PDB file of all heavy atoms in Angstrom:
ATOM      1  N   HIS A   1       0.935  -1.091   0.064  1.00  0.00           N
ATOM      2  CA  HIS A   1       0.029   0.082   0.001  1.00  0.00           C
ATOM      3  C   HIS A   1       0.905   1.281   0.019  1.00  0.00           C
ATOM      4  O   HIS A   1       2.127   1.116   0.201  1.00  0.00           O
ATOM      5  CB  HIS A   1      -0.862  -0.003   1.152  1.00  0.00           C
ATOM      6  CG  HIS A   1      -0.211  -0.260   2.498  1.00  0.00           C
ATOM      7  ND1 HIS A   1       0.569   0.794   3.187  1.00  0.00           N
ATOM      8  CD2 HIS A   1      -0.089  -1.316   3.315  1.00  0.00           C
ATOM      9  CE1 HIS A   1       1.067   0.330   4.276  1.00  0.00           C
ATOM     10  NE2 HIS A   1       0.765  -0.950   4.330  1.00  0.00           N
ATOM     11  N   GLY A   2       0.336   2.369  -0.185  1.00  0.00           N
ATOM     12  CA  GLY A   2       1.180   3.599  -0.154  1.00  0.00           C
ATOM     13  C   GLY A   2       2.004   3.915   0.933  1.00  0.00           C
ATOM     14  O   GLY A   2       2.899   4.570   0.868  1.00  0.00           O
ATOM     15  N   GLY A   3       1.655   3.411   2.015  1.00  0.00           N
ATOM     16  CA  GLY A   3       2.310   3.702   3.262  1.00  0.00           C
ATOM     17  C   GLY A   3       3.754   3.256   3.264  1.00  0.00           C
ATOM     18  O   GLY A   3       4.669   3.707   4.008  1.00  0.00           O
ATOM     19  N   VAL A   4       4.027   2.333   2.387  1.00  0.00           N
ATOM     20  CA  VAL A   4       5.395   1.679   2.239  1.00  0.00           C
ATOM     21  C   VAL A   4       6.359   2.656   1.783  1.00  0.00           C
ATOM     22  O   VAL A   4       7.617   2.545   2.018  1.00  0.00           O
ATOM     23  CB  VAL A   4       5.414   0.517   1.393  1.00  0.00           C
ATOM     24  CG1 VAL A   4       5.296   0.941  -0.048  1.00  0.00           C
ATOM     25  CG2 VAL A   4       6.609  -0.401   1.500  1.00  0.00           C
ATOM     26  N   PHE A   5       5.959   3.821   1.243  1.00  0.00           N
ATOM     27  CA  PHE A   5       6.795   4.919   0.667  1.00  0.00           C
ATOM     28  C   PHE A   5       7.136   5.905   1.753  1.00  0.00           C
ATOM     29  O   PHE A   5       7.875   6.946   1.438  1.00  0.00           O
ATOM     30  CB  PHE A   5       6.072   5.584  -0.465  1.00  0.00           C
ATOM     31  CG  PHE A   5       6.076   4.798  -1.850  1.00  0.00           C
ATOM     32  CD1 PHE A   5       4.903   4.520  -2.389  1.00  0.00           C
ATOM     33  CD2 PHE A   5       7.203   4.375  -2.411  1.00  0.00           C
ATOM     34  CE1 PHE A   5       4.752   3.843  -3.480  1.00  0.00           C
ATOM     35  CE2 PHE A   5       7.139   3.640  -3.655  1.00  0.00           C
ATOM     36  CZ  PHE A   5       5.936   3.441  -4.216  1.00  0.00           C
ATOM     37  N   ALA A   6       6.827   5.646   2.984  1.00  0.00           N
ATOM     38  CA  ALA A   6       7.042   6.616   4.129  1.00  0.00           C
ATOM     39  C   ALA A   6       8.454   7.185   4.068  1.00  0.00           C
ATOM     40  O   ALA A   6       8.716   8.502   4.248  1.00  0.00           O
ATOM     41  CB  ALA A   6       6.629   6.122   5.356  1.00  0.00           C
ATOM     42  N   PRO A   7       9.593   6.432   3.901  1.00  0.00           N
ATOM     43  CA  PRO A   7      10.879   7.010   3.945  1.00  0.00           C
ATOM     44  C   PRO A   7      11.117   7.989   2.767  1.00  0.00           C
ATOM     45  O   PRO A   7      11.753   8.995   2.957  1.00  0.00           O
ATOM     46  CB  PRO A   7      11.845   5.849   3.740  1.00  0.00           C
ATOM     47  CG  PRO A   7      11.045   4.680   4.172  1.00  0.00           C
ATOM     48  CD  PRO A   7       9.648   4.979   3.860  1.00  0.00           C
ATOM     49  N   LEU A   8      10.604   7.727   1.623  1.00  0.00           N
ATOM     50  CA  LEU A   8      10.693   8.577   0.493  1.00  0.00           C
ATOM     51  C   LEU A   8       9.904   9.863   0.686  1.00  0.00           C
ATOM     52  O   LEU A   8      10.268  11.017   0.419  1.00  0.00           O
ATOM     53  CB  LEU A   8      10.375   7.888  -0.856  1.00  0.00           C
ATOM     54  CG  LEU A   8      10.924   8.352  -2.091  1.00  0.00           C
ATOM     55  CD1 LEU A   8      12.343   8.294  -2.099  1.00  0.00           C
ATOM     56  CD2 LEU A   8      10.292   7.303  -3.228  1.00  0.00           C
ATOM     57  N   VAL A   9       8.692   9.684   1.118  1.00  0.00           N
ATOM     58  CA  VAL A   9       7.888  10.885   1.421  1.00  0.00           C
ATOM     59  C   VAL A   9       8.419  11.885   2.461  1.00  0.00           C
ATOM     60  O   VAL A   9       8.410  13.043   2.284  1.00  0.00           O
ATOM     61  CB  VAL A   9       6.433  10.376   1.991  1.00  0.00           C
ATOM     62  CG1 VAL A   9       5.592  11.485   2.509  1.00  0.00           C
ATOM     63  CG2 VAL A   9       5.611   9.588   0.932  1.00  0.00           C
ATOM     64  N   GLU A  10       9.100  11.301   3.325  1.00  0.00           N
ATOM     65  CA  GLU A  10       9.810  12.149   4.446  1.00  0.00           C
ATOM     66  C   GLU A  10      10.801  12.948   3.748  1.00  0.00           C
ATOM     67  O   GLU A  10      11.000  14.075   4.118  1.00  0.00           O
ATOM     68  CB  GLU A  10      10.350  11.206   5.543  1.00  0.00           C
ATOM     69  CG  GLU A  10      11.113  11.928   6.651  1.00  0.00           C
ATOM     70  CD  GLU A  10      11.821  10.974   7.580  1.00  0.00           C
ATOM     71  OE1 GLU A  10      11.471   9.910   7.492  1.00  0.00           O
ATOM     72  OE2 GLU A  10      12.458  11.513   8.465  1.00  0.00           O
ATOM     73  N   ARG A  11      11.510  12.393   2.924  1.00  0.00           N
ATOM     74  CA  ARG A  11      12.629  13.141   2.057  1.00  0.00           C
ATOM     75  C   ARG A  11      12.284  14.069   1.060  1.00  0.00           C
ATOM     76  O   ARG A  11      12.912  15.071   0.886  1.00  0.00           O
ATOM     77  CB  ARG A  11      13.621  12.114   1.542  1.00  0.00           C
ATOM     78  CG  ARG A  11      14.441  11.434   2.687  1.00  0.00           C
ATOM     79  CD  ARG A  11      14.995  10.066   2.241  1.00  0.00           C
ATOM     80  NE  ARG A  11      15.939   9.480   3.147  1.00  0.00           N
ATOM     81  CZ  ARG A  11      15.466   8.883   4.312  1.00  0.00           C
ATOM     82  NH1 ARG A  11      14.175   8.592   4.360  1.00  0.00           N
ATOM     83  NH2 ARG A  11      16.389   8.355   5.086  1.00  0.00           N
ATOM     84  N   LEU A  12      11.017  13.913   0.504  1.00  0.00           N
ATOM     85  CA  LEU A  12      10.650  14.612  -0.557  1.00  0.00           C
ATOM     86  C   LEU A  12       9.378  15.617  -0.426  1.00  0.00           C
ATOM     87  O   LEU A  12       9.105  16.398  -1.391  1.00  0.00           O
ATOM     88  CB  LEU A  12      10.333  13.719  -1.786  1.00  0.00           C
ATOM     89  CG  LEU A  12      11.353  12.927  -2.411  1.00  0.00           C
ATOM     90  CD1 LEU A  12      10.877  11.846  -3.389  1.00  0.00           C
ATOM     91  CD2 LEU A  12      12.532  13.785  -2.928  1.00  0.00           C
ATOM     92  N   ALA A  13       8.826  15.590   0.760  1.00  0.00           N
ATOM     93  CA  ALA A  13       7.558  16.362   0.981  1.00  0.00           C
ATOM     94  C   ALA A  13       7.805  17.895   0.926  1.00  0.00           C
ATOM     95  O   ALA A  13       6.884  18.615   0.685  1.00  0.00           O
ATOM     96  CB  ALA A  13       6.859  15.991   2.203  1.00  0.00           C
ATOM     97  N   ASN A  14       9.199  18.267   1.093  1.00  0.00           N
ATOM     98  CA  ASN A  14       9.385  19.802   1.096  1.00  0.00           C
ATOM     99  C   ASN A  14       9.578  20.347  -0.351  1.00  0.00           C
ATOM    100  O   ASN A  14       9.817  21.439  -0.602  1.00  0.00           O
ATOM    101  CB  ASN A  14      10.509  20.165   1.896  1.00  0.00           C
ATOM    102  CG  ASN A  14      10.290  20.027   3.466  1.00  0.00           C
ATOM    103  OD1 ASN A  14       9.109  20.130   3.826  1.00  0.00           O
ATOM    104  ND2 ASN A  14      11.077  19.635   4.283  1.00  0.00           N
ATOM    105  N   GLU A  15       9.755  19.319  -1.321  1.00  0.00           N
ATOM    106  CA  GLU A  15      10.220  19.719  -2.678  1.00  0.00           C
ATOM    107  C   GLU A  15       9.129  19.323  -3.636  1.00  0.00           C
ATOM    108  O   GLU A  15       9.032  19.712  -4.852  1.00  0.00           O
ATOM    109  CB  GLU A  15      11.460  18.881  -3.051  1.00  0.00           C
ATOM    110  CG  GLU A  15      12.606  19.228  -2.080  1.00  0.00           C
ATOM    111  CD  GLU A  15      13.730  18.257  -2.159  1.00  0.00           C
ATOM    112  OE1 GLU A  15      14.423  18.252  -3.358  1.00  0.00           O
ATOM    113  OE2 GLU A  15      13.953  17.522  -1.309  1.00  0.00           O
ATOM    114  N   PHE A  16       8.190  18.331  -3.314  1.00  0.00           N
ATOM    115  CA  PHE A  16       7.107  17.969  -4.245  1.00  0.00           C
ATOM    116  C   PHE A  16       5.871  17.888  -3.543  1.00  0.00           C
ATOM    117  O   PHE A  16       5.694  17.568  -2.248  1.00  0.00           O
ATOM    118  CB  PHE A  16       7.436  16.472  -4.774  1.00  0.00           C
ATOM    119  CG  PHE A  16       8.661  16.439  -5.640  1.00  0.00           C
ATOM    120  CD1 PHE A  16       9.915  16.115  -5.066  1.00  0.00           C
ATOM    121  CD2 PHE A  16       8.722  16.470  -7.018  1.00  0.00           C
ATOM    122  CE1 PHE A  16      11.049  15.953  -5.729  1.00  0.00           C
ATOM    123  CE2 PHE A  16       9.816  16.272  -7.767  1.00  0.00           C
ATOM    124  CZ  PHE A  16      11.053  16.188  -7.126  1.00  0.00           C
ATOM    125  N   THR A  17       4.772  17.993  -4.320  1.00  0.00           N
ATOM    126  CA  THR A  17       3.358  17.762  -3.780  1.00  0.00           C
ATOM    127  C   THR A  17       3.231  16.194  -4.163  1.00  0.00           C
ATOM    128  O   THR A  17       3.046  15.891  -5.312  1.00  0.00           O
ATOM    129  CB  THR A  17       2.241  18.497  -4.470  1.00  0.00           C
ATOM    130  OG1 THR A  17       2.513  19.937  -4.171  1.00  0.00           O
ATOM    131  CG2 THR A  17       1.032  18.168  -3.916  1.00  0.00           C
ATOM    132  N   LEU A  18       3.224  15.288  -3.093  1.00  0.00           N
ATOM    133  CA  LEU A  18       3.115  13.925  -3.107  1.00  0.00           C
ATOM    134  C   LEU A  18       1.703  13.361  -3.288  1.00  0.00           C
ATOM    135  O   LEU A  18       0.936  13.719  -2.247  1.00  0.00           O
ATOM    136  CB  LEU A  18       3.900  13.268  -2.124  1.00  0.00           C
ATOM    137  CG  LEU A  18       5.419  13.710  -2.113  1.00  0.00           C
ATOM    138  CD1 LEU A  18       6.005  13.363  -0.765  1.00  0.00           C
ATOM    139  CD2 LEU A  18       6.200  12.974  -3.206  1.00  0.00           C
ATOM    140  N   HIS A  19       1.385  12.611  -4.293  1.00  0.00           N
ATOM    141  CA  HIS A  19       0.018  12.066  -4.328  1.00  0.00           C
ATOM    142  C   HIS A  19       0.444  10.521  -4.118  1.00  0.00           C
ATOM    143  O   HIS A  19       0.696   9.764  -5.093  1.00  0.00           O
ATOM    144  CB  HIS A  19      -0.668  12.341  -5.623  1.00  0.00           C
ATOM    145  CG  HIS A  19      -0.873  13.702  -5.881  1.00  0.00           C
ATOM    146  ND1 HIS A  19      -1.930  14.513  -5.470  1.00  0.00           N
ATOM    147  CD2 HIS A  19       0.020  14.615  -6.511  1.00  0.00           C
ATOM    148  CE1 HIS A  19      -1.808  15.764  -5.847  1.00  0.00           C
ATOM    149  NE2 HIS A  19      -0.730  15.937  -6.576  1.00  0.00           N
ATOM    150  N   VAL A  20       0.225   9.949  -3.057  1.00  0.00           N
ATOM    151  CA  VAL A  20       0.595   8.688  -2.718  1.00  0.00           C
ATOM    152  C   VAL A  20      -0.804   7.784  -2.735  1.00  0.00           C
ATOM    153  O   VAL A  20      -1.731   7.893  -1.885  1.00  0.00           O
ATOM    154  CB  VAL A  20       1.090   8.440  -1.292  1.00  0.00           C
ATOM    155  CG1 VAL A  20       1.704   6.984  -0.995  1.00  0.00           C
ATOM    156  CG2 VAL A  20       2.317   9.445  -1.206  1.00  0.00           C
ATOM    157  N   VAL A  21      -0.742   6.856  -3.606  1.00  0.00           N
ATOM    158  CA  VAL A  21      -2.039   6.030  -4.021  1.00  0.00           C
ATOM    159  C   VAL A  21      -2.010   4.651  -3.224  1.00  0.00           C
ATOM    160  O   VAL A  21      -0.976   4.023  -3.032  1.00  0.00           O
ATOM    161  CB  VAL A  21      -1.963   5.751  -5.505  1.00  0.00           C
ATOM    162  CG1 VAL A  21      -3.220   4.929  -5.886  1.00  0.00           C
ATOM    163  CG2 VAL A  21      -2.027   7.012  -6.293  1.00  0.00           C
ATOM    164  N   ASP A  22      -3.277   4.211  -2.794  1.00  0.00           N
ATOM    165  CA  ASP A  22      -3.317   2.869  -2.461  1.00  0.00           C
ATOM    166  C   ASP A  22      -4.193   2.254  -3.734  1.00  0.00           C
ATOM    167  O   ASP A  22      -5.327   2.709  -3.979  1.00  0.00           O
ATOM    168  CB  ASP A  22      -4.314   2.738  -1.216  1.00  0.00           C
ATOM    169  CG  ASP A  22      -3.537   2.962   0.109  1.00  0.00           C
ATOM    170  OD1 ASP A  22      -2.225   3.233   0.000  1.00  0.00           O
ATOM    171  OD2 ASP A  22      -4.151   2.910   1.045  1.00  0.00           O
ATOM    172  N   LEU A  23      -3.586   1.234  -4.347  1.00  0.00           N
ATOM    173  CA  LEU A  23      -4.326   0.705  -5.525  1.00  0.00           C
ATOM    174  C   LEU A  23      -5.426  -0.020  -5.134  1.00  0.00           C
ATOM    175  O   LEU A  23      -5.702  -0.493  -3.822  1.00  0.00           O
ATOM    176  CB  LEU A  23      -3.189  -0.221  -6.159  1.00  0.00           C
ATOM    177  CG  LEU A  23      -2.045   0.465  -6.837  1.00  0.00           C
ATOM    178  CD1 LEU A  23      -1.011  -0.580  -7.317  1.00  0.00           C
ATOM    179  CD2 LEU A  23      -2.587   1.172  -8.137  1.00  0.00           C
ATOM    180  N   PRO A  24      -6.318  -0.305  -5.991  1.00  0.00           N
ATOM    181  CA  PRO A  24      -7.591  -0.890  -5.617  1.00  0.00           C
ATOM    182  C   PRO A  24      -7.412  -2.205  -4.934  1.00  0.00           C
ATOM    183  O   PRO A  24      -6.614  -3.079  -5.332  1.00  0.00           O
ATOM    184  CB  PRO A  24      -8.317  -1.225  -6.982  1.00  0.00           C
ATOM    185  CG  PRO A  24      -7.893  -0.004  -7.895  1.00  0.00           C
ATOM    186  CD  PRO A  24      -6.248  -0.039  -7.412  1.00  0.00           C
ATOM    187  N   GLY A  25      -8.286  -2.500  -3.813  1.00  0.00           N
ATOM    188  CA  GLY A  25      -8.106  -3.634  -3.090  1.00  0.00           C
ATOM    189  C   GLY A  25      -6.961  -3.732  -2.052  1.00  0.00           C
ATOM    190  O   GLY A  25      -6.970  -4.663  -1.212  1.00  0.00           O
ATOM    191  N   HIS A  26      -6.241  -2.526  -2.051  1.00  0.00           N
ATOM    192  CA  HIS A  26      -5.056  -2.574  -1.105  1.00  0.00           C
ATOM    193  C   HIS A  26      -5.264  -1.352  -0.111  1.00  0.00           C
ATOM    194  O   HIS A  26      -5.780  -0.282  -0.546  1.00  0.00           O
ATOM    195  CB  HIS A  26      -3.842  -2.307  -1.903  1.00  0.00           C
ATOM    196  CG  HIS A  26      -3.455  -3.379  -2.848  1.00  0.00           C
ATOM    197  ND1 HIS A  26      -4.006  -3.603  -4.004  1.00  0.00           N
ATOM    198  CD2 HIS A  26      -2.504  -4.329  -2.843  1.00  0.00           C
ATOM    199  CE1 HIS A  26      -3.570  -4.656  -4.663  1.00  0.00           C
ATOM    200  NE2 HIS A  26      -2.757  -5.110  -3.897  1.00  0.00           N
ATOM    201  N   GLY A  27      -4.881  -1.577   1.176  1.00  0.00           N
ATOM    202  CA  GLY A  27      -4.804  -0.507   2.049  1.00  0.00           C
ATOM    203  C   GLY A  27      -6.097   0.232   2.250  1.00  0.00           C
ATOM    204  O   GLY A  27      -7.297  -0.458   2.354  1.00  0.00           O
ATOM    205  N   HIS A  28      -6.245   1.576   2.193  1.00  0.00           N
ATOM    206  CA  HIS A  28      -7.488   2.329   2.285  1.00  0.00           C
ATOM    207  C   HIS A  28      -8.349   2.271   1.097  1.00  0.00           C
ATOM    208  O   HIS A  28      -9.486   2.769   1.144  1.00  0.00           O
ATOM    209  CB  HIS A  28      -7.090   3.759   2.774  1.00  0.00           C
ATOM    210  CG  HIS A  28      -6.349   3.949   4.021  1.00  0.00           C
ATOM    211  ND1 HIS A  28      -6.625   3.182   5.045  1.00  0.00           N
ATOM    212  CD2 HIS A  28      -5.363   4.761   4.269  1.00  0.00           C
ATOM    213  CE1 HIS A  28      -5.883   3.540   6.102  1.00  0.00           C
ATOM    214  NE2 HIS A  28      -5.094   4.553   5.697  1.00  0.00           N
ATOM    215  N   SER A  29      -7.911   1.620  -0.020  1.00  0.00           N
ATOM    216  CA  SER A  29      -8.778   1.439  -1.163  1.00  0.00           C
ATOM    217  C   SER A  29      -9.423   0.030  -1.216  1.00  0.00           C
ATOM    218  O   SER A  29      -9.772  -0.484  -2.209  1.00  0.00           O
ATOM    219  CB  SER A  29      -7.946   1.534  -2.377  1.00  0.00           C
ATOM    220  OG  SER A  29      -7.427   2.959  -2.553  1.00  0.00           O
ATOM    221  N   ALA A  30      -9.528  -0.546  -0.035  1.00  0.00           N
ATOM    222  CA  ALA A  30      -9.979  -2.060  -0.062  1.00  0.00           C
ATOM    223  C   ALA A  30     -11.438  -2.111  -0.665  1.00  0.00           C
ATOM    224  O   ALA A  30     -11.857  -3.073  -1.126  1.00  0.00           O
ATOM    225  CB  ALA A  30      -9.958  -2.560   1.336  1.00  0.00           C
ATOM    226  N   ALA A  31     -12.291  -1.016  -0.292  1.00  0.00           N
ATOM    227  CA  ALA A  31     -13.647  -1.101  -0.783  1.00  0.00           C
ATOM    228  C   ALA A  31     -13.894  -0.435  -2.059  1.00  0.00           C
ATOM    229  O   ALA A  31     -15.162  -0.325  -2.357  1.00  0.00           O
ATOM    230  CB  ALA A  31     -14.409  -0.655   0.365  1.00  0.00           C
ATOM    231  N   THR A  32     -12.902   0.166  -2.712  1.00  0.00           N
ATOM    232  CA  THR A  32     -13.179   0.893  -4.013  1.00  0.00           C
ATOM    233  C   THR A  32     -13.910  -0.044  -4.981  1.00  0.00           C
ATOM    234  O   THR A  32     -13.677  -1.250  -5.169  1.00  0.00           O
ATOM    235  CB  THR A  32     -11.898   1.440  -4.589  1.00  0.00           C
ATOM    236  OG1 THR A  32     -12.257   2.242  -5.659  1.00  0.00           O
ATOM    237  CG2 THR A  32     -10.999   0.395  -4.911  1.00  0.00           C
ATOM    238  N   ALA A  33     -14.768   0.620  -5.828  1.00  0.00           N
ATOM    239  CA  ALA A  33     -15.300  -0.139  -7.010  1.00  0.00           C
ATOM    240  C   ALA A  33     -14.427  -0.165  -8.133  1.00  0.00           C
ATOM    241  O   ALA A  33     -14.652  -0.975  -9.104  1.00  0.00           O
ATOM    242  CB  ALA A  33     -16.709   0.557  -7.270  1.00  0.00           C
ATOM    243  N   THR A  34     -13.344   0.488  -8.237  1.00  0.00           N
ATOM    244  CA  THR A  34     -12.347   0.584  -9.307  1.00  0.00           C
ATOM    245  C   THR A  34     -11.580  -0.832  -9.320  1.00  0.00           C
ATOM    246  O   THR A  34     -11.086  -1.179  -8.340  1.00  0.00           O
ATOM    247  CB  THR A  34     -11.348   1.585  -9.201  1.00  0.00           C
ATOM    248  OG1 THR A  34     -11.946   2.878  -9.009  1.00  0.00           O
ATOM    249  CG2 THR A  34     -10.313   1.646 -10.489  1.00  0.00           C
ATOM    250  N   PRO A  35     -11.594  -1.565 -10.522  1.00  0.00           N
ATOM    251  CA  PRO A  35     -10.975  -2.892 -10.594  1.00  0.00           C
ATOM    252  C   PRO A  35      -9.326  -2.524 -10.561  1.00  0.00           C
ATOM    253  O   PRO A  35      -8.952  -1.523 -10.919  1.00  0.00           O
ATOM    254  CB  PRO A  35     -11.447  -3.457 -11.877  1.00  0.00           C
ATOM    255  CG  PRO A  35     -11.931  -2.289 -12.665  1.00  0.00           C
ATOM    256  CD  PRO A  35     -12.220  -1.229 -11.670  1.00  0.00           C
ATOM    257  N   LEU A  36      -8.686  -3.640 -10.257  1.00  0.00           N
ATOM    258  CA  LEU A  36      -7.262  -3.663 -10.378  1.00  0.00           C
ATOM    259  C   LEU A  36      -6.784  -3.963 -11.869  1.00  0.00           C
ATOM    260  O   LEU A  36      -6.520  -5.103 -12.158  1.00  0.00           O
ATOM    261  CB  LEU A  36      -6.569  -4.565  -9.385  1.00  0.00           C
ATOM    262  CG  LEU A  36      -5.063  -4.638  -9.246  1.00  0.00           C
ATOM    263  CD1 LEU A  36      -4.628  -3.062  -8.620  1.00  0.00           C
ATOM    264  CD2 LEU A  36      -4.554  -5.686  -8.488  1.00  0.00           C
ATOM    265  N   ALA A  37      -6.988  -2.942 -12.645  1.00  0.00           N
ATOM    266  CA  ALA A  37      -6.744  -3.169 -14.059  1.00  0.00           C
ATOM    267  C   ALA A  37      -6.065  -1.897 -14.671  1.00  0.00           C
ATOM    268  O   ALA A  37      -6.397  -0.846 -14.059  1.00  0.00           O
ATOM    269  CB  ALA A  37      -8.110  -3.444 -14.827  1.00  0.00           C
ATOM    270  N   LEU A  38      -5.201  -2.134 -15.563  1.00  0.00           N
ATOM    271  CA  LEU A  38      -4.452  -1.047 -16.043  1.00  0.00           C
ATOM    272  C   LEU A  38      -5.280   0.150 -16.465  1.00  0.00           C
ATOM    273  O   LEU A  38      -5.016   1.374 -15.949  1.00  0.00           O
ATOM    274  CB  LEU A  38      -3.509  -1.407 -17.246  1.00  0.00           C
ATOM    275  CG  LEU A  38      -2.338  -2.509 -16.877  1.00  0.00           C
ATOM    276  CD1 LEU A  38      -1.550  -2.806 -18.231  1.00  0.00           C
ATOM    277  CD2 LEU A  38      -1.378  -1.834 -15.870  1.00  0.00           C
ATOM    278  N   GLU A  39      -6.216   0.025 -17.313  1.00  0.00           N
ATOM    279  CA  GLU A  39      -6.802   1.097 -17.853  1.00  0.00           C
ATOM    280  C   GLU A  39      -7.723   1.807 -16.897  1.00  0.00           C
ATOM    281  O   GLU A  39      -7.822   3.008 -16.810  1.00  0.00           O
ATOM    282  CB  GLU A  39      -7.707   0.700 -19.152  1.00  0.00           C
ATOM    283  CG  GLU A  39      -8.546   1.806 -19.825  1.00  0.00           C
ATOM    284  CD  GLU A  39      -7.654   2.859 -20.324  1.00  0.00           C
ATOM    285  OE1 GLU A  39      -6.465   2.747 -20.566  1.00  0.00           O
ATOM    286  OE2 GLU A  39      -8.151   4.040 -20.391  1.00  0.00           O
ATOM    287  N   ALA A  40      -8.426   0.992 -16.032  1.00  0.00           N
ATOM    288  CA  ALA A  40      -9.344   1.492 -14.968  1.00  0.00           C
ATOM    289  C   ALA A  40      -8.625   2.429 -14.063  1.00  0.00           C
ATOM    290  O   ALA A  40      -9.021   3.646 -13.763  1.00  0.00           O
ATOM    291  CB  ALA A  40     -10.129   0.489 -14.262  1.00  0.00           C
ATOM    292  N   VAL A  41      -7.567   1.866 -13.653  1.00  0.00           N
ATOM    293  CA  VAL A  41      -6.746   2.636 -12.443  1.00  0.00           C
ATOM    294  C   VAL A  41      -6.197   3.917 -13.199  1.00  0.00           C
ATOM    295  O   VAL A  41      -6.180   4.967 -12.516  1.00  0.00           O
ATOM    296  CB  VAL A  41      -5.542   1.867 -11.932  1.00  0.00           C
ATOM    297  CG1 VAL A  41      -4.572   2.637 -11.188  1.00  0.00           C
ATOM    298  CG2 VAL A  41      -6.219   0.671 -11.020  1.00  0.00           C
ATOM    299  N   VAL A  42      -5.509   3.764 -14.368  1.00  0.00           N
ATOM    300  CA  VAL A  42      -4.896   4.907 -15.005  1.00  0.00           C
ATOM    301  C   VAL A  42      -5.926   6.040 -15.338  1.00  0.00           C
ATOM    302  O   VAL A  42      -5.558   7.241 -15.239  1.00  0.00           O
ATOM    303  CB  VAL A  42      -3.912   4.563 -16.081  1.00  0.00           C
ATOM    304  CG1 VAL A  42      -3.576   5.674 -17.099  1.00  0.00           C
ATOM    305  CG2 VAL A  42      -2.839   3.739 -15.727  1.00  0.00           C
ATOM    306  N   SER A  43      -7.020   5.554 -15.769  1.00  0.00           N
ATOM    307  CA  SER A  43      -8.054   6.507 -16.072  1.00  0.00           C
ATOM    308  C   SER A  43      -8.550   7.357 -15.025  1.00  0.00           C
ATOM    309  O   SER A  43      -8.724   8.602 -15.110  1.00  0.00           O
ATOM    310  CB  SER A  43      -9.406   5.794 -16.679  1.00  0.00           C
ATOM    311  OG  SER A  43     -10.388   6.650 -17.033  1.00  0.00           O
ATOM    312  N   GLU A  44      -8.712   6.700 -13.844  1.00  0.00           N
ATOM    313  CA  GLU A  44      -9.156   7.524 -12.571  1.00  0.00           C
ATOM    314  C   GLU A  44      -8.050   8.424 -12.121  1.00  0.00           C
ATOM    315  O   GLU A  44      -8.334   9.564 -11.756  1.00  0.00           O
ATOM    316  CB  GLU A  44      -9.541   6.479 -11.471  1.00  0.00           C
ATOM    317  CG  GLU A  44      -9.962   7.206 -10.245  1.00  0.00           C
ATOM    318  CD  GLU A  44     -10.507   6.329  -9.238  1.00  0.00           C
ATOM    319  OE1 GLU A  44     -10.931   5.144  -9.543  1.00  0.00           O
ATOM    320  OE2 GLU A  44     -10.477   6.719  -7.922  1.00  0.00           O
ATOM    321  N   LEU A  45      -6.789   7.884 -12.062  1.00  0.00           N
ATOM    322  CA  LEU A  45      -5.735   8.720 -11.671  1.00  0.00           C
ATOM    323  C   LEU A  45      -5.486   9.969 -12.437  1.00  0.00           C
ATOM    324  O   LEU A  45      -5.255  11.059 -12.065  1.00  0.00           O
ATOM    325  CB  LEU A  45      -4.541   7.875 -11.469  1.00  0.00           C
ATOM    326  CG  LEU A  45      -4.420   6.900 -10.434  1.00  0.00           C
ATOM    327  CD1 LEU A  45      -3.198   6.016 -10.496  1.00  0.00           C
ATOM    328  CD2 LEU A  45      -4.714   7.434  -9.051  1.00  0.00           C
TER     329      LEU A  45
END
């Protein structure tokens, strides 16, 4: 899930606006209706 990037987020948050995603079915996106499929995920993002 997106929380795995915490060390990177800590180092880059002062230089970038970070959009950290939980992919469908993972982490806080467990209940999303978006399927874990290339086109569906990319279209939404």
